[in-house]
Protein backbone atom coordinates (compact mmCIF):
# COMPACT_ATOMS: atom_id res chain seq x y z
CA MET A 1 -21.39 -11.21 -13.38
CA GLY A 2 -18.16 -9.90 -14.14
CA THR A 3 -18.10 -7.04 -12.12
CA SER A 4 -19.18 -9.17 -8.76
CA VAL A 5 -16.09 -11.30 -9.84
CA SER A 6 -13.78 -8.70 -10.25
CA ARG A 7 -15.24 -6.93 -6.61
CA MET A 8 -14.67 -9.76 -4.95
CA PHE A 9 -10.96 -10.58 -6.43
CA GLU A 10 -10.30 -6.73 -4.98
CA THR A 11 -11.77 -7.64 -1.56
CA LEU A 12 -9.90 -10.70 -1.22
CA PHE A 13 -6.52 -9.94 -2.75
CA GLY A 14 -6.21 -5.33 -3.36
CA CYS A 15 -6.44 -3.75 -6.35
CA TYR A 16 -4.01 -4.31 -8.93
CA HIS A 17 -3.58 -0.36 -9.47
CA SER A 18 -3.51 -1.03 -13.19
CA GLN A 19 -5.01 2.08 -13.97
CA LEU A 20 -2.84 4.94 -12.93
CA SER A 21 -2.41 8.49 -12.96
CA ARG A 22 0.03 10.68 -13.98
CA VAL A 23 3.37 11.33 -11.77
CA PHE A 24 2.20 14.22 -9.07
CA THR A 25 4.91 16.02 -7.43
CA ILE A 26 3.29 17.81 -4.10
CA LYS A 27 5.10 19.15 -0.89
CA LYS A 28 8.68 17.37 -1.71
CA ARG A 29 6.41 14.06 -1.97
CA THR A 30 5.71 11.99 -5.56
CA TYR A 31 3.33 9.39 -6.34
CA ARG A 32 1.02 8.43 -9.01
CA VAL A 33 -2.87 7.81 -7.73
CA CYS A 34 -5.09 4.65 -8.47
CA PHE A 35 -7.98 5.62 -10.30
CA ALA A 36 -10.11 2.66 -9.33
CA CYS A 37 -9.88 2.17 -5.37
CA GLY A 38 -8.13 5.72 -4.96
CA ARG A 39 -4.62 4.59 -3.25
CA GLU A 40 -1.36 6.75 -3.60
CA ILE A 41 1.59 4.78 -4.85
CA GLU A 42 5.10 6.73 -4.02
CA TYR A 43 7.00 6.90 -6.86
CA SER A 44 10.98 7.57 -7.73
CA TRP A 45 11.89 9.77 -10.33
CA GLU A 46 15.56 8.41 -10.08
CA LEU A 47 14.61 4.86 -10.67
CA MET A 48 11.47 5.97 -12.82
CA HIS A 49 9.04 3.41 -11.72
CA ALA A 50 6.77 3.10 -8.15
CA GLN A 51 8.13 2.48 -5.23
CA PRO A 52 7.12 -0.96 -3.21
CA SER A 53 5.27 -0.54 -0.50
CA SER A 54 6.49 -0.56 3.18
CA VAL A 55 2.91 -0.94 4.97
CA ALA A 56 3.63 -4.04 5.71
CA ASP A 57 7.08 -3.49 7.65
CA GLN A 58 5.74 -1.02 9.45
CA ALA A 59 2.77 -2.93 10.57
CA CYS A 60 5.08 -5.52 12.15
CA ALA A 61 7.04 -2.98 13.48
CA SER A 62 3.99 -1.32 15.27
CA LEU A 63 3.30 -4.80 16.81
CA ASP A 64 6.37 -5.75 17.75
CA THR A 65 6.47 -2.03 20.03
CA ALA A 66 2.91 -2.23 21.13
CA MET A 67 3.06 -5.79 22.34
CA PRO A 68 6.19 -6.09 24.93
CA VAL A 69 6.98 -9.54 25.95
CA GLU A 70 5.81 -10.53 29.58
CA ALA A 71 8.40 -12.94 31.72
CA SER A 72 6.25 -16.24 32.89
CA ALA A 73 5.32 -16.20 36.03
CA SER A 74 5.71 -19.10 37.60
């Protein structure tokens, strides 16, 4: 039962990334990996913590450029 409930929450809200690997730096990219879902989470050595995701910002930017506003034909 507990597993099905946690899967439902993960499906609805995403992974909480509570089990993370150590920090990796490969090809000038620094990140940690979530053991539960496999997501790579950017990491900042300067701030010593994970960087916030900019996926939503990138998605909004691509929507703005992909959907040009058309002038209304009257």
